[in-house]
PDB file of N, CA and C in Angstrom:
ATOM      1  N   UNK A   1     103.460  98.698  95.859  1.00  0.00           N
ATOM      2  CA  UNK A   1     102.936  99.946  95.832  1.00  0.00           C
ATOM      3  C   UNK A   1     102.531 100.378  97.205  1.00  0.00           C
ATOM      4  N   UNK A   2     101.615  99.863  97.935  1.00  0.00           N
ATOM      5  CA  UNK A   2     101.257  99.984  99.366  1.00  0.00           C
ATOM      6  C   UNK A   2     102.047  99.020 100.079  1.00  0.00           C
ATOM      7  N   UNK A   3     103.025  99.434 101.081  1.00  0.00           N
ATOM      8  CA  UNK A   3     103.480  98.492 101.891  1.00  0.00           C
ATOM      9  C   UNK A   3     103.528  99.037 103.290  1.00  0.00           C
ATOM     10  N   UNK A   4     103.110  98.223 104.221  1.00  0.00           N
ATOM     11  CA  UNK A   4     103.171  98.642 105.528  1.00  0.00           C
ATOM     12  C   UNK A   4     102.377  97.730 106.379  1.00  0.00           C
ATOM     13  N   UNK A   5     102.513  97.896 107.929  1.00  0.00           N
ATOM     14  CA  UNK A   5     101.739  97.101 108.743  1.00  0.00           C
ATOM     15  C   UNK A   5     100.375  97.401 108.712  1.00  0.00           C
ATOM     16  N   UNK A   6      99.535  96.230 108.709  1.00  0.00           N
ATOM     17  CA  UNK A   6      97.980  96.200 108.780  1.00  0.00           C
ATOM     18  C   UNK A   6      97.826  96.079 110.167  1.00  0.00           C
ATOM     19  N   UNK A   7      97.356  97.224 110.895  1.00  0.00           N
ATOM     20  CA  UNK A   7      97.041  97.081 112.371  1.00  0.00           C
ATOM     21  C   UNK A   7      95.573  97.444 112.551  1.00  0.00           C
ATOM     22  N   UNK A   8      95.160  97.235 113.779  1.00  0.00           N
ATOM     23  CA  UNK A   8      93.628  97.425 114.175  1.00  0.00           C
ATOM     24  C   UNK A   8      93.308  98.929 113.942  1.00  0.00           C
ATOM     25  N   UNK A   9      94.335  99.801 113.886  1.00  0.00           N
ATOM     26  CA  UNK A   9      94.156 101.236 113.834  1.00  0.00           C
ATOM     27  C   UNK A   9      93.648 101.569 112.365  1.00  0.00           C
ATOM     28  N   UNK A  10      94.206 100.581 111.473  1.00  0.00           N
ATOM     29  CA  UNK A  10      93.928 100.937 109.995  1.00  0.00           C
ATOM     30  C   UNK A  10      92.499 100.097 109.587  1.00  0.00           C
ATOM     31  N   UNK A  11      91.510 100.470 110.298  1.00  0.00           N
ATOM     32  CA  UNK A  11      90.089  99.794 110.053  1.00  0.00           C
ATOM     33  C   UNK A  11      89.625 100.310 108.772  1.00  0.00           C
ATOM     34  N   UNK A  12      90.014 101.522 108.335  1.00  0.00           N
ATOM     35  CA  UNK A  12      89.472 102.108 107.090  1.00  0.00           C
ATOM     36  C   UNK A  12      90.382 101.911 105.859  1.00  0.00           C
ATOM     37  N   UNK A  13      91.327 100.998 105.915  1.00  0.00           N
ATOM     38  CA  UNK A  13      92.219 100.465 104.863  1.00  0.00           C
ATOM     39  C   UNK A  13      91.328 100.144 103.751  1.00  0.00           C
ATOM     40  N   UNK A  14      91.246 100.459 102.725  1.00  0.00           N
ATOM     41  CA  UNK A  14      90.338 100.304 101.671  1.00  0.00           C
ATOM     42  C   UNK A  14      90.575  99.137 100.763  1.00  0.00           C
ATOM     43  N   UNK A  15      90.757  97.993 101.257  1.00  0.00           N
ATOM     44  CA  UNK A  15      90.857  96.647 100.473  1.00  0.00           C
ATOM     45  C   UNK A  15      89.598  96.055 100.687  1.00  0.00           C
ATOM     46  N   UNK A  16      88.687  96.594  99.982  1.00  0.00           N
ATOM     47  CA  UNK A  16      87.335  96.112 100.126  1.00  0.00           C
ATOM     48  C   UNK A  16      87.027  94.501  99.541  1.00  0.00           C
ATOM     49  N   UNK A  17      87.848  94.188  98.608  1.00  0.00           N
ATOM     50  CA  UNK A  17      87.609  92.769  98.019  1.00  0.00           C
ATOM     51  C   UNK A  17      88.318  91.733  98.839  1.00  0.00           C
ATOM     52  N   UNK A  18      89.009  92.066  99.939  1.00  0.00           N
ATOM     53  CA  UNK A  18      89.717  91.018 100.820  1.00  0.00           C
ATOM     54  C   UNK A  18      89.247  90.923 101.988  1.00  0.00           C
ATOM     55  N   UNK A  19      89.509  89.788 102.665  1.00  0.00           N
ATOM     56  CA  UNK A  19      88.996  89.464 104.051  1.00  0.00           C
ATOM     57  C   UNK A  19      89.836  90.075 105.096  1.00  0.00           C
ATOM     58  N   UNK A  20      89.195  90.897 105.845  1.00  0.00           N
ATOM     59  CA  UNK A  20      90.036  91.650 106.845  1.00  0.00           C
ATOM     60  C   UNK A  20      90.732  90.720 107.888  1.00  0.00           C
ATOM     61  N   UNK A  21      90.001  89.590 108.058  1.00  0.00           N
ATOM     62  CA  UNK A  21      90.649  88.658 108.946  1.00  0.00           C
ATOM     63  C   UNK A  21      91.877  87.882 108.435  1.00  0.00           C
ATOM     64  N   UNK A  22      91.774  87.681 107.154  1.00  0.00           N
ATOM     65  CA  UNK A  22      92.939  87.110 106.422  1.00  0.00           C
ATOM     66  C   UNK A  22      94.201  87.956 106.410  1.00  0.00           C
ATOM     67  N   UNK A  23      93.853  89.319 106.330  1.00  0.00           N
ATOM     68  CA  UNK A  23      95.083  90.273 106.186  1.00  0.00           C
ATOM     69  C   UNK A  23      95.604  90.383 107.425  1.00  0.00           C
ATOM     70  N   UNK A  24      94.972  90.230 108.542  1.00  0.00           N
ATOM     71  CA  UNK A  24      95.596  90.404 109.880  1.00  0.00           C
ATOM     72  C   UNK A  24      96.722  89.589 110.330  1.00  0.00           C
ATOM     73  N   UNK A  25      96.768  88.358 109.616  1.00  0.00           N
ATOM     74  CA  UNK A  25      97.763  87.379 109.755  1.00  0.00           C
ATOM     75  C   UNK A  25      99.168  87.852 109.187  1.00  0.00           C
ATOM     76  N   UNK A  26      99.243  88.801 108.325  1.00  0.00           N
ATOM     77  CA  UNK A  26     100.430  89.432 107.731  1.00  0.00           C
ATOM     78  C   UNK A  26     100.975  90.514 108.406  1.00  0.00           C
ATOM     79  N   UNK A  27     102.357  90.413 108.439  1.00  0.00           N
ATOM     80  CA  UNK A  27     103.017  91.583 109.026  1.00  0.00           C
ATOM     81  C   UNK A  27     103.008  92.816 107.831  1.00  0.00           C
ATOM     82  N   UNK A  28     103.103  92.454 106.756  1.00  0.00           N
ATOM     83  CA  UNK A  28     103.169  93.521 105.718  1.00  0.00           C
ATOM     84  C   UNK A  28     102.221  93.149 104.490  1.00  0.00           C
ATOM     85  N   UNK A  29     101.669  94.257 103.836  1.00  0.00           N
ATOM     86  CA  UNK A  29     100.934  94.017 102.564  1.00  0.00           C
ATOM     87  C   UNK A  29     101.596  94.761 101.398  1.00  0.00           C
ATOM     88  N   UNK A  30     101.678  94.202 100.311  1.00  0.00           N
ATOM     89  CA  UNK A  30     102.074  94.865  99.072  1.00  0.00           C
ATOM     90  C   UNK A  30     101.157  94.700  98.028  1.00  0.00           C
ATOM     91  N   UNK A  31     100.679  96.002  97.589  1.00  0.00           N
ATOM     92  CA  UNK A  31      99.626  96.002  96.610  1.00  0.00           C
ATOM     93  C   UNK A  31     100.261  96.569  95.328  1.00  0.00           C
ATOM     94  N   UNK A  32     100.146  95.722  94.263  1.00  0.00           N
ATOM     95  CA  UNK A  32     100.742  96.070  92.938  1.00  0.00           C
ATOM     96  C   UNK A  32      99.760  95.912  91.881  1.00  0.00           C
ATOM     97  N   UNK A  33      99.976  96.573  90.703  1.00  0.00           N
ATOM     98  CA  UNK A  33      98.944  96.321  89.547  1.00  0.00           C
ATOM     99  C   UNK A  33      99.068  94.743  89.043  1.00  0.00           C
ATOM    100  N   UNK A  34      97.926  94.385  88.555  1.00  0.00           N
ATOM    101  CA  UNK A  34      97.796  92.996  87.946  1.00  0.00           C
ATOM    102  C   UNK A  34      98.827  92.738  86.895  1.00  0.00           C
ATOM    103  N   UNK A  35      99.053  93.841  86.136  1.00  0.00           N
ATOM    104  CA  UNK A  35      99.982  93.592  84.862  1.00  0.00           C
ATOM    105  C   UNK A  35     101.363  93.575  85.312  1.00  0.00           C
ATOM    106  N   UNK A  36     101.719  93.578  86.533  1.00  0.00           N
ATOM    107  CA  UNK A  36     103.149  93.405  87.032  1.00  0.00           C
ATOM    108  C   UNK A  36     103.315  91.999  87.376  1.00  0.00           C
ATOM    109  N   UNK A  37     102.260  91.130  87.278  1.00  0.00           N
ATOM    110  CA  UNK A  37     102.549  89.734  87.645  1.00  0.00           C
ATOM    111  C   UNK A  37     103.714  88.968  87.245  1.00  0.00           C
ATOM    112  N   UNK A  38     103.969  89.146  85.797  1.00  0.00           N
ATOM    113  CA  UNK A  38     105.002  88.370  85.256  1.00  0.00           C
ATOM    114  C   UNK A  38     106.294  89.024  85.596  1.00  0.00           C
ATOM    115  N   UNK A  39     106.435  90.313  85.724  1.00  0.00           N
ATOM    116  CA  UNK A  39     107.643  91.132  86.137  1.00  0.00           C
ATOM    117  C   UNK A  39     108.044  90.629  87.392  1.00  0.00           C
ATOM    118  N   UNK A  40     107.106  90.604  88.338  1.00  0.00           N
ATOM    119  CA  UNK A  40     107.549  90.249  89.791  1.00  0.00           C
ATOM    120  C   UNK A  40     107.957  88.882  89.846  1.00  0.00           C
ATOM    121  N   UNK A  41     107.421  87.893  89.051  1.00  0.00           N
ATOM    122  CA  UNK A  41     107.876  86.676  88.996  1.00  0.00           C
ATOM    123  C   UNK A  41     109.324  86.382  88.255  1.00  0.00           C
ATOM    124  N   UNK A  42     109.437  86.981  87.350  1.00  0.00           N
ATOM    125  CA  UNK A  42     110.559  86.823  86.471  1.00  0.00           C
ATOM    126  C   UNK A  42     111.857  87.906  86.694  1.00  0.00           C
ATOM    127  N   UNK A  43     111.531  88.880  87.410  1.00  0.00           N
ATOM    128  CA  UNK A  43     112.697  89.854  87.559  1.00  0.00           C
ATOM    129  C   UNK A  43     113.701  89.401  88.443  1.00  0.00           C
ATOM    130  N   UNK A  44     114.988  89.840  88.311  1.00  0.00           N
ATOM    131  CA  UNK A  44     115.925  89.634  89.334  1.00  0.00           C
ATOM    132  C   UNK A  44     116.364  91.043  90.131  1.00  0.00           C
ATOM    133  N   UNK A  45     116.257  90.748  91.326  1.00  0.00           N
ATOM    134  CA  UNK A  45     116.556  92.136  92.140  1.00  0.00           C
ATOM    135  C   UNK A  45     117.917  91.668  92.942  1.00  0.00           C
ATOM    136  N   UNK A  46     118.484  92.745  93.383  1.00  0.00           N
ATOM    137  CA  UNK A  46     119.673  92.631  94.220  1.00  0.00           C
ATOM    138  C   UNK A  46     119.528  93.377  95.497  1.00  0.00           C
ATOM    139  N   UNK A  47     119.858  92.775  96.526  1.00  0.00           N
ATOM    140  CA  UNK A  47     119.738  93.206  97.782  1.00  0.00           C
ATOM    141  C   UNK A  47     121.248  93.651  98.225  1.00  0.00           C
ATOM    142  N   UNK A  48     121.478  94.818  98.582  1.00  0.00           N
ATOM    143  CA  UNK A  48     122.754  95.136  98.953  1.00  0.00           C
ATOM    144  C   UNK A  48     122.758  95.387 100.545  1.00  0.00           C
ATOM    145  N   UNK A  49     123.693  94.726 101.334  1.00  0.00           N
ATOM    146  CA  UNK A  49     123.661  95.031 102.580  1.00  0.00           C
ATOM    147  C   UNK A  49     125.065  95.970 102.974  1.00  0.00           C
ATOM    148  N   UNK A  50     124.725  96.908 103.933  1.00  0.00           N
ATOM    149  CA  UNK A  50     125.730  97.830 104.265  1.00  0.00           C
ATOM    150  C   UNK A  50     125.770  97.748 105.833  1.00  0.00           C
ATOM    151  N   UNK A  51     127.103  98.222 106.149  1.00  0.00           N
ATOM    152  CA  UNK A  51     127.319  98.512 107.679  1.00  0.00           C
ATOM    153  C   UNK A  51     126.316  99.749 108.060  1.00  0.00           C
ATOM    154  N   UNK A  52     125.657  99.652 109.047  1.00  0.00           N
ATOM    155  CA  UNK A  52     124.636 100.461 109.348  1.00  0.00           C
ATOM    156  C   UNK A  52     125.029 101.918 109.984  1.00  0.00           C
ATOM    157  N   UNK A  53     126.334 101.805 110.484  1.00  0.00           N
ATOM    158  CA  UNK A  53     126.831 102.869 111.354  1.00  0.00           C
ATOM    159  C   UNK A  53     126.614 104.301 110.860  1.00  0.00           C
ATOM    160  N   UNK A  54     126.977 104.448 109.583  1.00  0.00           N
ATOM    161  CA  UNK A  54     127.013 105.917 109.013  1.00  0.00           C
ATOM    162  C   UNK A  54     125.501 106.406 108.258  1.00  0.00           C
ATOM    163  N   UNK A  55     124.507 105.449 108.469  1.00  0.00           N
ATOM    164  CA  UNK A  55     123.331 105.643 107.741  1.00  0.00           C
ATOM    165  C   UNK A  55     122.293 106.360 108.789  1.00  0.00           C
ATOM    166  N   UNK A  56     121.421 107.242 108.350  1.00  0.00           N
ATOM    167  CA  UNK A  56     120.370 108.007 109.168  1.00  0.00           C
ATOM    168  C   UNK A  56     119.188 107.591 108.380  1.00  0.00           C
ATOM    169  N   UNK A  57     118.077 107.657 109.234  1.00  0.00           N
ATOM    170  CA  UNK A  57     116.919 107.189 108.553  1.00  0.00           C
ATOM    171  C   UNK A  57     116.120 108.667 108.223  1.00  0.00           C
ATOM    172  N   UNK A  58     115.608 108.637 106.968  1.00  0.00           N
ATOM    173  CA  UNK A  58     114.966 109.897 106.499  1.00  0.00           C
ATOM    174  C   UNK A  58     113.259 109.508 106.454  1.00  0.00           C
ATOM    175  N   UNK A  59     113.090 108.361 105.935  1.00  0.00           N
ATOM    176  CA  UNK A  59     111.501 107.852 106.024  1.00  0.00           C
ATOM    177  C   UNK A  59     111.543 106.443 106.303  1.00  0.00           C
ATOM    178  N   UNK A  60     111.224 105.958 107.584  1.00  0.00           N
ATOM    179  CA  UNK A  60     111.262 104.538 108.052  1.00  0.00           C
ATOM    180  C   UNK A  60     110.381 103.758 107.262  1.00  0.00           C
ATOM    181  N   UNK A  61     108.958 104.197 107.082  1.00  0.00           N
ATOM    182  CA  UNK A  61     108.008 103.421 106.252  1.00  0.00           C
ATOM    183  C   UNK A  61     108.228 103.188 104.895  1.00  0.00           C
ATOM    184  N   UNK A  62     108.715 104.200 104.272  1.00  0.00           N
ATOM    185  CA  UNK A  62     109.264 103.933 102.801  1.00  0.00           C
ATOM    186  C   UNK A  62     110.538 103.411 102.770  1.00  0.00           C
ATOM    187  N   UNK A  63     111.334 103.103 103.749  1.00  0.00           N
ATOM    188  CA  UNK A  63     112.706 102.539 103.846  1.00  0.00           C
ATOM    189  C   UNK A  63     113.835 103.409 103.356  1.00  0.00           C
ATOM    190  N   UNK A  64     113.753 104.665 103.582  1.00  0.00           N
ATOM    191  CA  UNK A  64     114.745 105.649 103.060  1.00  0.00           C
ATOM    192  C   UNK A  64     115.793 105.867 104.143  1.00  0.00           C
ATOM    193  N   UNK A  65     116.926 105.422 103.861  1.00  0.00           N
ATOM    194  CA  UNK A  65     118.175 105.702 104.644  1.00  0.00           C
ATOM    195  C   UNK A  65     119.146 106.284 103.889  1.00  0.00           C
ATOM    196  N   UNK A  66     120.019 107.310 104.468  1.00  0.00           N
ATOM    197  CA  UNK A  66     121.199 107.982 103.739  1.00  0.00           C
ATOM    198  C   UNK A  66     122.307 107.822 104.501  1.00  0.00           C
ATOM    199  N   UNK A  67     123.520 107.948 103.696  1.00  0.00           N
ATOM    200  CA  UNK A  67     124.690 108.002 104.383  1.00  0.00           C
ATOM    201  C   UNK A  67     125.583 109.051 103.618  1.00  0.00           C
ATOM    202  N   UNK A  68     126.167 109.920 104.282  1.00  0.00           N
ATOM    203  CA  UNK A  68     126.960 110.989 103.579  1.00  0.00           C
ATOM    204  C   UNK A  68     128.478 110.378 103.259  1.00  0.00           C
ATOM    205  N   UNK A  69     128.656 109.246 103.663  1.00  0.00           N
ATOM    206  CA  UNK A  69     129.888 108.617 103.316  1.00  0.00           C
ATOM    207  C   UNK A  69     129.873 107.847 102.020  1.00  0.00           C
ATOM    208  N   UNK A  70     131.007 107.486 101.525  1.00  0.00           N
ATOM    209  CA  UNK A  70     130.993 106.384 100.389  1.00  0.00           C
ATOM    210  C   UNK A  70     130.838 105.107 101.239  1.00  0.00           C
ATOM    211  N   UNK A  71     129.853 104.394 100.674  1.00  0.00           N
ATOM    212  CA  UNK A  71     129.615 103.053 101.319  1.00  0.00           C
ATOM    213  C   UNK A  71     129.969 101.915 100.368  1.00  0.00           C
ATOM    214  N   UNK A  72     130.688 100.881 100.841  1.00  0.00           N
ATOM    215  CA  UNK A  72     130.819  99.693 100.124  1.00  0.00           C
ATOM    216  C   UNK A  72     129.995  98.496 100.655  1.00  0.00           C
ATOM    217  N   UNK A  73     129.268  97.768  99.916  1.00  0.00           N
ATOM    218  CA  UNK A  73     128.437  96.723 100.360  1.00  0.00           C
ATOM    219  C   UNK A  73     129.236  95.584 101.036  1.00  0.00           C
ATOM    220  N   UNK A  74     128.598  95.234 102.195  1.00  0.00           N
ATOM    221  CA  UNK A  74     129.099  93.929 102.928  1.00  0.00           C
ATOM    222  C   UNK A  74     128.879  92.798 102.150  1.00  0.00           C
ATOM    223  N   UNK A  75     127.534  92.728 101.535  1.00  0.00           N
ATOM    224  CA  UNK A  75     126.979  91.564 100.816  1.00  0.00           C
ATOM    225  C   UNK A  75     126.190  92.024  99.828  1.00  0.00           C
ATOM    226  N   UNK A  76     126.084  91.263  98.683  1.00  0.00           N
ATOM    227  CA  UNK A  76     125.074  91.554  97.560  1.00  0.00           C
ATOM    228  C   UNK A  76     124.610  90.284  97.338  1.00  0.00           C
ATOM    229  N   UNK A  77     123.115  90.033  97.410  1.00  0.00           N
ATOM    230  CA  UNK A  77     122.378  88.878  97.217  1.00  0.00           C
ATOM    231  C   UNK A  77     121.512  89.204  95.866  1.00  0.00           C
ATOM    232  N   UNK A  78     121.396  88.168  95.212  1.00  0.00           N
ATOM    233  CA  UNK A  78     120.638  88.178  93.862  1.00  0.00           C
ATOM    234  C   UNK A  78     119.399  87.364  94.370  1.00  0.00           C
ATOM    235  N   UNK A  79     118.122  87.964  94.128  1.00  0.00           N
ATOM    236  CA  UNK A  79     117.010  87.456  94.234  1.00  0.00           C
ATOM    237  C   UNK A  79     116.216  87.114  93.016  1.00  0.00           C
ATOM    238  N   UNK A  80     116.132  85.930  92.648  1.00  0.00           N
ATOM    239  CA  UNK A  80     115.621  85.476  91.337  1.00  0.00           C
ATOM    240  C   UNK A  80     114.128  85.284  91.389  1.00  0.00           C
ATOM    241  N   UNK A  81     113.425  84.837  92.377  1.00  0.00           N
ATOM    242  CA  UNK A  81     112.103  84.567  92.488  1.00  0.00           C
ATOM    243  C   UNK A  81     111.354  85.453  93.437  1.00  0.00           C
ATOM    244  N   UNK A  82     111.048  86.581  93.096  1.00  0.00           N
ATOM    245  CA  UNK A  82     110.625  87.658  93.963  1.00  0.00           C
ATOM    246  C   UNK A  82     109.429  87.102  94.743  1.00  0.00           C
ATOM    247  N   UNK A  83     108.441  86.753  94.103  1.00  0.00           N
ATOM    248  CA  UNK A  83     107.250  86.221  94.602  1.00  0.00           C
ATOM    249  C   UNK A  83     107.404  85.115  95.719  1.00  0.00           C
ATOM    250  N   UNK A  84     108.216  84.245  95.563  1.00  0.00           N
ATOM    251  CA  UNK A  84     108.707  83.293  96.449  1.00  0.00           C
ATOM    252  C   UNK A  84     109.262  83.853  97.601  1.00  0.00           C
ATOM    253  N   UNK A  85     110.141  84.785  97.520  1.00  0.00           N
ATOM    254  CA  UNK A  85     110.824  85.586  98.556  1.00  0.00           C
ATOM    255  C   UNK A  85     109.769  86.418  99.458  1.00  0.00           C
ATOM    256  N   UNK A  86     108.896  87.102  98.668  1.00  0.00           N
ATOM    257  CA  UNK A  86     107.876  87.926  99.387  1.00  0.00           C
ATOM    258  C   UNK A  86     107.125  86.992 100.338  1.00  0.00           C
ATOM    259  N   UNK A  87     106.752  85.714  99.779  1.00  0.00           N
ATOM    260  CA  UNK A  87     106.052  84.716 100.774  1.00  0.00           C
ATOM    261  C   UNK A  87     106.636  84.315 101.893  1.00  0.00           C
ATOM    262  N   UNK A  88     108.077  84.378 101.856  1.00  0.00           N
ATOM    263  CA  UNK A  88     108.869  83.940 102.959  1.00  0.00           C
ATOM    264  C   UNK A  88     108.744  84.969 104.143  1.00  0.00           C
ATOM    265  N   UNK A  89     108.384  86.189 103.909  1.00  0.00           N
ATOM    266  CA  UNK A  89     108.698  87.297 104.922  1.00  0.00           C
ATOM    267  C   UNK A  89     107.311  87.682 105.519  1.00  0.00           C
ATOM    268  N   UNK A  90     106.257  86.816 105.656  1.00  0.00           N
ATOM    269  CA  UNK A  90     104.938  87.109 106.243  1.00  0.00           C
ATOM    270  C   UNK A  90     104.366  88.294 105.692  1.00  0.00           C
ATOM    271  N   UNK A  91     104.435  88.358 104.279  1.00  0.00           N
ATOM    272  CA  UNK A  91     103.939  89.505 103.472  1.00  0.00           C
ATOM    273  C   UNK A  91     103.081  89.013 102.437  1.00  0.00           C
ATOM    274  N   UNK A  92     101.728  89.824 102.367  1.00  0.00           N
ATOM    275  CA  UNK A  92     100.870  89.446 101.391  1.00  0.00           C
ATOM    276  C   UNK A  92     100.912  90.228 100.226  1.00  0.00           C
ATOM    277  N   UNK A  93     101.198  89.603  99.074  1.00  0.00           N
ATOM    278  CA  UNK A  93     101.246  90.279  97.679  1.00  0.00           C
ATOM    279  C   UNK A  93      99.853  90.218  97.119  1.00  0.00           C
ATOM    280  N   UNK A  94      99.279  91.598  96.740  1.00  0.00           N
ATOM    281  CA  UNK A  94      97.913  91.503  96.283  1.00  0.00           C
ATOM    282  C   UNK A  94      98.113  92.282  94.871  1.00  0.00           C
ATOM    283  N   UNK A  95      97.594  91.720  93.824  1.00  0.00           N
ATOM    284  CA  UNK A  95      97.612  92.031  92.602  1.00  0.00           C
ATOM    285  C   UNK A  95      96.160  92.494  92.162  1.00  0.00           C
ATOM    286  N   UNK A  96      96.078  93.908  91.752  1.00  0.00           N
ATOM    287  CA  UNK A  96      94.728  94.391  91.572  1.00  0.00           C
ATOM    288  C   UNK A  96      94.658  95.200  90.079  1.00  0.00           C
ATOM    289  N   UNK A  97      93.448  95.520  89.671  1.00  0.00           N
ATOM    290  CA  UNK A  97      93.379  96.309  88.525  1.00  0.00           C
ATOM    291  C   UNK A  97      93.670  97.680  88.676  1.00  0.00           C
ATOM    292  N   UNK A  98      94.033  98.259  87.629  1.00  0.00           N
ATOM    293  CA  UNK A  98      94.308  99.782  87.743  1.00  0.00           C
ATOM    294  C   UNK A  98      93.298 100.571  88.455  1.00  0.00           C
ATOM    295  N   UNK A  99      92.039 100.353  88.080  1.00  0.00           N
ATOM    296  CA  UNK A  99      91.023 101.012  88.668  1.00  0.00           C
ATOM    297  C   UNK A  99      91.019 100.975  90.253  1.00  0.00           C
ATOM    298  N   UNK A 100      91.128  99.629  90.619  1.00  0.00           N
ATOM    299  CA  UNK A 100      91.162  99.427  92.171  1.00  0.00           C
ATOM    300  C   UNK A 100      92.368 100.059  92.697  1.00  0.00           C
ATOM    301  N   UNK A 101      93.547 100.034  91.981  1.00  0.00           N
ATOM    302  CA  UNK A 101      94.731 100.705  92.609  1.00  0.00           C
ATOM    303  C   UNK A 101      94.469 102.126  92.755  1.00  0.00           C
ATOM    304  N   UNK A 102      93.871 102.879  91.884  1.00  0.00           N
ATOM    305  CA  UNK A 102      93.572 104.293  92.123  1.00  0.00           C
ATOM    306  C   UNK A 102      92.616 104.615  93.226  1.00  0.00           C
ATOM    307  N   UNK A 103      91.688 103.725  93.495  1.00  0.00           N
ATOM    308  CA  UNK A 103      90.790 104.018  94.424  1.00  0.00           C
ATOM    309  C   UNK A 103      91.578 103.839  95.870  1.00  0.00           C
ATOM    310  N   UNK A 104      92.403 102.666  95.908  1.00  0.00           N
ATOM    311  CA  UNK A 104      93.231 102.377  97.011  1.00  0.00           C
ATOM    312  C   UNK A 104      94.214 103.425  97.332  1.00  0.00           C
ATOM    313  N   UNK A 105      94.768 103.935  96.439  1.00  0.00           N
ATOM    314  CA  UNK A 105      95.905 105.209  96.450  1.00  0.00           C
ATOM    315  C   UNK A 105      95.101 106.406  97.264  1.00  0.00           C
ATOM    316  N   UNK A 106      94.039 106.810  96.678  1.00  0.00           N
ATOM    317  CA  UNK A 106      93.282 107.745  97.285  1.00  0.00           C
ATOM    318  C   UNK A 106      92.901 107.608  98.713  1.00  0.00           C
ATOM    319  N   UNK A 107      92.229 106.492  99.027  1.00  0.00           N
ATOM    320  CA  UNK A 107      91.675 106.089 100.190  1.00  0.00           C
ATOM    321  C   UNK A 107      93.010 106.039 101.277  1.00  0.00           C
ATOM    322  N   UNK A 108      93.951 105.348 100.642  1.00  0.00           N
ATOM    323  CA  UNK A 108      95.151 105.109 101.635  1.00  0.00           C
ATOM    324  C   UNK A 108      95.675 106.526 102.038  1.00  0.00           C
ATOM    325  N   UNK A 109      96.018 107.320 101.232  1.00  0.00           N
ATOM    326  CA  UNK A 109      96.625 108.636 101.357  1.00  0.00           C
ATOM    327  C   UNK A 109      95.737 109.372 102.393  1.00  0.00           C
ATOM    328  N   UNK A 110      94.459 109.304 102.375  1.00  0.00           N
ATOM    329  CA  UNK A 110      93.479 110.065 103.209  1.00  0.00           C
ATOM    330  C   UNK A 110      93.387 109.514 104.567  1.00  0.00           C
ATOM    331  N   UNK A 111      93.563 108.210 104.755  1.00  0.00           N
ATOM    332  CA  UNK A 111      93.373 107.550 106.096  1.00  0.00           C
ATOM    333  C   UNK A 111      94.420 106.959 106.723  1.00  0.00           C
ATOM    334  N   UNK A 112      95.611 106.872 106.367  1.00  0.00           N
ATOM    335  CA  UNK A 112      96.722 106.364 107.172  1.00  0.00           C
ATOM    336  C   UNK A 112      98.143 107.038 106.573  1.00  0.00           C
ATOM    337  N   UNK A 113      99.082 106.998 107.631  1.00  0.00           N
ATOM    338  CA  UNK A 113     100.373 107.543 107.205  1.00  0.00           C
ATOM    339  C   UNK A 113     101.267 106.424 107.031  1.00  0.00           C
ATOM    340  N   UNK A 114     100.942 105.294 106.893  1.00  0.00           N
ATOM    341  CA  UNK A 114     101.733 104.035 107.008  1.00  0.00           C
ATOM    342  C   UNK A 114     101.702 103.386 105.549  1.00  0.00           C
ATOM    343  N   UNK A 115     102.253 104.256 104.628  1.00  0.00           N
ATOM    344  CA  UNK A 115     102.190 103.697 103.332  1.00  0.00           C
ATOM    345  C   UNK A 115     103.566 104.308 102.479  1.00  0.00           C
ATOM    346  N   UNK A 116     103.811 103.757 101.347  1.00  0.00           N
ATOM    347  CA  UNK A 116     104.776 104.225 100.493  1.00  0.00           C
ATOM    348  C   UNK A 116     104.282 104.103  98.998  1.00  0.00           C
ATOM    349  N   UNK A 117     104.187 105.105  98.137  1.00  0.00           N
ATOM    350  CA  UNK A 117     103.889 104.834  96.722  1.00  0.00           C
ATOM    351  C   UNK A 117     104.793 105.427  95.961  1.00  0.00           C
ATOM    352  N   UNK A 118     106.140 104.902  96.108  1.00  0.00           N
ATOM    353  CA  UNK A 118     107.288 105.522  95.570  1.00  0.00           C
ATOM    354  C   UNK A 118     107.326 105.193  94.076  1.00  0.00           C
ATOM    355  N   UNK A 119     106.641 103.980  93.579  1.00  0.00           N
ATOM    356  CA  UNK A 119     106.902 103.703  92.247  1.00  0.00           C
ATOM    357  C   UNK A 119     105.450 103.822  91.552  1.00  0.00           C
ATOM    358  N   UNK A 120     104.650 104.657  92.017  1.00  0.00           N
ATOM    359  CA  UNK A 120     103.228 104.808  91.574  1.00  0.00           C
ATOM    360  C   UNK A 120     103.286 105.184  90.119  1.00  0.00           C
ATOM    361  N   UNK A 121     104.271 105.937  89.588  1.00  0.00           N
ATOM    362  CA  UNK A 121     104.176 106.193  88.358  1.00  0.00           C
ATOM    363  C   UNK A 121     104.624 105.278  87.306  1.00  0.00           C
ATOM    364  N   UNK A 122     104.996 104.106  87.702  1.00  0.00           N
ATOM    365  CA  UNK A 122     105.286 102.956  87.023  1.00  0.00           C
ATOM    366  C   UNK A 122     104.211 101.903  86.815  1.00  0.00           C
ATOM    367  N   UNK A 123     102.970 102.226  87.364  1.00  0.00           N
ATOM    368  CA  UNK A 123     101.861 101.307  87.375  1.00  0.00           C
ATOM    369  C   UNK A 123     101.493 100.901  85.974  1.00  0.00           C
ATOM    370  N   UNK A 124     101.550 101.653  84.908  1.00  0.00           N
ATOM    371  CA  UNK A 124     101.100 101.187  83.574  1.00  0.00           C
ATOM    372  C   UNK A 124     102.323 100.477  82.970  1.00  0.00           C
ATOM    373  N   UNK A 125     103.392 100.490  83.345  1.00  0.00           N
ATOM    374  CA  UNK A 125     104.467  99.966  82.459  1.00  0.00           C
ATOM    375  C   UNK A 125     104.507  98.460  82.686  1.00  0.00           C
TER     376      UNK A 125
END
């Protein structure tokens, strides 16, 4: 839900229940609803790798890149244990209640531009 670098400038990042010093050791933070725990652990994701020459960045923080050409993947990787893969990338996964998620959504949108909430509508699923 929230993904982005946690830097000194983000002093107002509203993760009140977490130790700020602990968070500084991570390159990225992902915050998701606690009811997604089993889905994160049990889902299979597919990572597609493409030649980057035709792609243009639309939103670097959200990870949006587009190509106006038909692209064929160079590689497709199946990821079966998402939680384990997240841990390999110096990323902190934080699972919170819906109430905490709504507070964070509001505070993050007001205090930083380093966020993506592209799947916010799926929070209750």
